[in-house]
């Protein structure tokens, strides 16, 4: 199953990029670059396609024992914060990571394209 996902991701990349990872399209949108970045980060195809088709952003919880991935609910406090940041800074947030760091505590990282 993992090889199939990798093949799908590589086929998708071939459609979206050319040469040394350069975007081929004339007018490049933030969402196109964000989709390309998700491919480069080796995110599974279902998450990439859901982001591209429905603009869904996923939370990647970096727990030491397992990687917990969940779609951020449109009505959640986190999604409200994402939309605020996007509007205020004119960026496209395509993923959020969550981790716990000693001495710092909980930390959220918003991956975005400006």
C-alpha atoms as a PDB file:
ATOM      1  CA  UNK A   1       0.000   0.000   0.000  1.00  0.00           C
ATOM      2  CA  UNK A   2       2.872   2.351   0.810  1.00  0.00           C
ATOM      3  CA  UNK A   3       4.393   1.853  -2.670  1.00  0.00           C
ATOM      4  CA  UNK A   4       1.022   2.653  -4.286  1.00  0.00           C
ATOM      5  CA  UNK A   5       0.809   5.881  -2.262  1.00  0.00           C
ATOM      6  CA  UNK A   6       4.365   6.779  -3.284  1.00  0.00           C
ATOM      7  CA  UNK A   7       3.557   6.105  -6.956  1.00  0.00           C
ATOM      8  CA  UNK A   8       0.433   8.275  -6.737  1.00  0.00           C
ATOM      9  CA  UNK A   9       2.412  11.067  -5.085  1.00  0.00           C
ATOM     10  CA  UNK A  10       5.151  10.882  -7.741  1.00  0.00           C
ATOM     11  CA  UNK A  11       2.581  10.919 -10.562  1.00  0.00           C
ATOM     12  CA  UNK A  12       0.901  13.933  -8.973  1.00  0.00           C
ATOM     13  CA  UNK A  13       4.250  15.731  -8.682  1.00  0.00           C
ATOM     14  CA  UNK A  14       4.968  15.056 -12.338  1.00  0.00           C
ATOM     15  CA  UNK A  15       1.700  16.746 -13.272  1.00  0.00           C
ATOM     16  CA  UNK A  16       2.291  19.770 -11.054  1.00  0.00           C
ATOM     17  CA  UNK A  17       6.001  20.473 -11.382  1.00  0.00           C
ATOM     18  CA  UNK A  18       8.677  20.295 -14.025  1.00  0.00           C
ATOM     19  CA  UNK A  19      12.458  20.323 -14.209  1.00  0.00           C
ATOM     20  CA  UNK A  20      14.126  20.751 -10.847  1.00  0.00           C
ATOM     21  CA  UNK A  21      10.899  21.253  -8.929  1.00  0.00           C
ATOM     22  CA  UNK A  22       9.937  24.467 -10.708  1.00  0.00           C
ATOM     23  CA  UNK A  23       6.243  25.165 -11.046  1.00  0.00           C
ATOM     24  CA  UNK A  24       5.273  25.075 -14.733  1.00  0.00           C
ATOM     25  CA  UNK A  25       2.070  27.107 -14.602  1.00  0.00           C
ATOM     26  CA  UNK A  26       2.253  30.793 -15.514  1.00  0.00           C
ATOM     27  CA  UNK A  27       0.065  32.088 -12.708  1.00  0.00           C
ATOM     28  CA  UNK A  28       1.078  30.353  -9.524  1.00  0.00           C
ATOM     29  CA  UNK A  29      -1.380  30.477  -6.668  1.00  0.00           C
ATOM     30  CA  UNK A  30      -0.448  30.065  -3.021  1.00  0.00           C
ATOM     31  CA  UNK A  31      -2.572  26.926  -2.886  1.00  0.00           C
ATOM     32  CA  UNK A  32      -0.632  25.387  -5.804  1.00  0.00           C
ATOM     33  CA  UNK A  33       2.652  25.958  -4.003  1.00  0.00           C
ATOM     34  CA  UNK A  34       1.203  24.630  -0.744  1.00  0.00           C
ATOM     35  CA  UNK A  35       0.083  21.464  -2.549  1.00  0.00           C
ATOM     36  CA  UNK A  36       3.572  21.094  -4.017  1.00  0.00           C
ATOM     37  CA  UNK A  37       5.097  21.571  -0.538  1.00  0.00           C
ATOM     38  CA  UNK A  38       2.868  18.831   0.906  1.00  0.00           C
ATOM     39  CA  UNK A  39       4.139  16.498  -1.832  1.00  0.00           C
ATOM     40  CA  UNK A  40       7.746  17.406  -1.026  1.00  0.00           C
ATOM     41  CA  UNK A  41       7.078  16.686   2.670  1.00  0.00           C
ATOM     42  CA  UNK A  42       5.915  13.179   1.656  1.00  0.00           C
ATOM     43  CA  UNK A  43       2.439  13.671   3.067  1.00  0.00           C
ATOM     44  CA  UNK A  44       0.075  10.846   2.036  1.00  0.00           C
ATOM     45  CA  UNK A  45      -2.004  11.456  -1.083  1.00  0.00           C
ATOM     46  CA  UNK A  46      -5.437  11.399   0.609  1.00  0.00           C
ATOM     47  CA  UNK A  47      -4.455  14.439   2.716  1.00  0.00           C
ATOM     48  CA  UNK A  48      -3.000  16.288  -0.277  1.00  0.00           C
ATOM     49  CA  UNK A  49      -6.065  15.651  -2.431  1.00  0.00           C
ATOM     50  CA  UNK A  50      -8.416  16.681   0.397  1.00  0.00           C
ATOM     51  CA  UNK A  51      -6.479  19.926   0.865  1.00  0.00           C
ATOM     52  CA  UNK A  52      -6.524  20.635  -2.861  1.00  0.00           C
ATOM     53  CA  UNK A  53     -10.196  19.800  -3.409  1.00  0.00           C
ATOM     54  CA  UNK A  54     -11.778  21.058  -0.182  1.00  0.00           C
ATOM     55  CA  UNK A  55      -9.173  23.392   1.358  1.00  0.00           C
ATOM     56  CA  UNK A  56      -9.033  21.158   4.467  1.00  0.00           C
ATOM     57  CA  UNK A  57      -6.037  21.713   6.735  1.00  0.00           C
ATOM     58  CA  UNK A  58      -4.670  18.872   8.856  1.00  0.00           C
ATOM     59  CA  UNK A  59      -3.117  18.875  12.298  1.00  0.00           C
ATOM     60  CA  UNK A  60      -0.048  16.652  12.550  1.00  0.00           C
ATOM     61  CA  UNK A  61       0.364  15.826  16.228  1.00  0.00           C
ATOM     62  CA  UNK A  62       4.010  14.898  16.748  1.00  0.00           C
ATOM     63  CA  UNK A  63       3.553  12.569  19.705  1.00  0.00           C
ATOM     64  CA  UNK A  64       6.671  10.531  20.491  1.00  0.00           C
ATOM     65  CA  UNK A  65       4.762   7.242  20.324  1.00  0.00           C
ATOM     66  CA  UNK A  66       2.786   7.824  17.142  1.00  0.00           C
ATOM     67  CA  UNK A  67       1.910  10.399  14.528  1.00  0.00           C
ATOM     68  CA  UNK A  68      -1.693  11.412  15.010  1.00  0.00           C
ATOM     69  CA  UNK A  69      -3.155  13.184  11.979  1.00  0.00           C
ATOM     70  CA  UNK A  70      -6.578  14.779  12.030  1.00  0.00           C
ATOM     71  CA  UNK A  71      -8.533  17.205   9.879  1.00  0.00           C
ATOM     72  CA  UNK A  72      -9.085  20.528  11.610  1.00  0.00           C
ATOM     73  CA  UNK A  73     -12.795  21.146  12.050  1.00  0.00           C
ATOM     74  CA  UNK A  74     -14.102  24.239  10.207  1.00  0.00           C
ATOM     75  CA  UNK A  75     -15.753  25.532  13.394  1.00  0.00           C
ATOM     76  CA  UNK A  76     -12.824  24.884  15.730  1.00  0.00           C
ATOM     77  CA  UNK A  77     -10.845  27.524  17.585  1.00  0.00           C
ATOM     78  CA  UNK A  78      -7.725  26.423  15.690  1.00  0.00           C
ATOM     79  CA  UNK A  79      -9.399  26.946  12.286  1.00  0.00           C
ATOM     80  CA  UNK A  80     -10.602  30.397  13.358  1.00  0.00           C
ATOM     81  CA  UNK A  81      -6.971  31.222  14.260  1.00  0.00           C
ATOM     82  CA  UNK A  82      -5.770  29.863  10.896  1.00  0.00           C
ATOM     83  CA  UNK A  83      -8.216  32.090   8.984  1.00  0.00           C
ATOM     84  CA  UNK A  84      -7.214  35.128  11.094  1.00  0.00           C
ATOM     85  CA  UNK A  85      -3.525  34.578  10.306  1.00  0.00           C
ATOM     86  CA  UNK A  86      -4.241  34.012   6.601  1.00  0.00           C
ATOM     87  CA  UNK A  87      -6.250  37.211   6.339  1.00  0.00           C
ATOM     88  CA  UNK A  88      -3.898  39.394   8.404  1.00  0.00           C
ATOM     89  CA  UNK A  89      -0.689  38.227   6.733  1.00  0.00           C
ATOM     90  CA  UNK A  90      -1.919  37.275   3.249  1.00  0.00           C
ATOM     91  CA  UNK A  91      -0.614  33.717   3.529  1.00  0.00           C
ATOM     92  CA  UNK A  92      -2.007  30.246   2.830  1.00  0.00           C
ATOM     93  CA  UNK A  93      -1.681  27.827   5.760  1.00  0.00           C
ATOM     94  CA  UNK A  94      -1.552  24.265   4.504  1.00  0.00           C
ATOM     95  CA  UNK A  95      -0.694  22.265   7.642  1.00  0.00           C
ATOM     96  CA  UNK A  96      -0.282  22.660  11.394  1.00  0.00           C
ATOM     97  CA  UNK A  97       2.039  20.677  13.617  1.00  0.00           C
ATOM     98  CA  UNK A  98       1.592  20.248  17.343  1.00  0.00           C
ATOM     99  CA  UNK A  99       4.280  19.157  19.761  1.00  0.00           C
ATOM    100  CA  UNK A 100       5.220  19.391  23.400  1.00  0.00           C
ATOM    101  CA  UNK A 101       8.690  20.706  24.205  1.00  0.00           C
ATOM    102  CA  UNK A 102      10.331  20.643  27.641  1.00  0.00           C
ATOM    103  CA  UNK A 103      10.624  24.075  29.250  1.00  0.00           C
ATOM    104  CA  UNK A 104       8.414  25.577  26.516  1.00  0.00           C
ATOM    105  CA  UNK A 105       5.247  23.515  26.731  1.00  0.00           C
ATOM    106  CA  UNK A 106       2.759  23.070  23.921  1.00  0.00           C
ATOM    107  CA  UNK A 107       3.850  24.423  20.579  1.00  0.00           C
ATOM    108  CA  UNK A 108       1.907  24.816  17.336  1.00  0.00           C
ATOM    109  CA  UNK A 109       3.693  25.476  14.044  1.00  0.00           C
ATOM    110  CA  UNK A 110       1.701  26.875  11.129  1.00  0.00           C
ATOM    111  CA  UNK A 111       3.179  25.874   7.765  1.00  0.00           C
ATOM    112  CA  UNK A 112       2.322  28.562   5.253  1.00  0.00           C
ATOM    113  CA  UNK A 113       3.062  30.047   1.842  1.00  0.00           C
ATOM    114  CA  UNK A 114       3.305  33.812   1.567  1.00  0.00           C
END
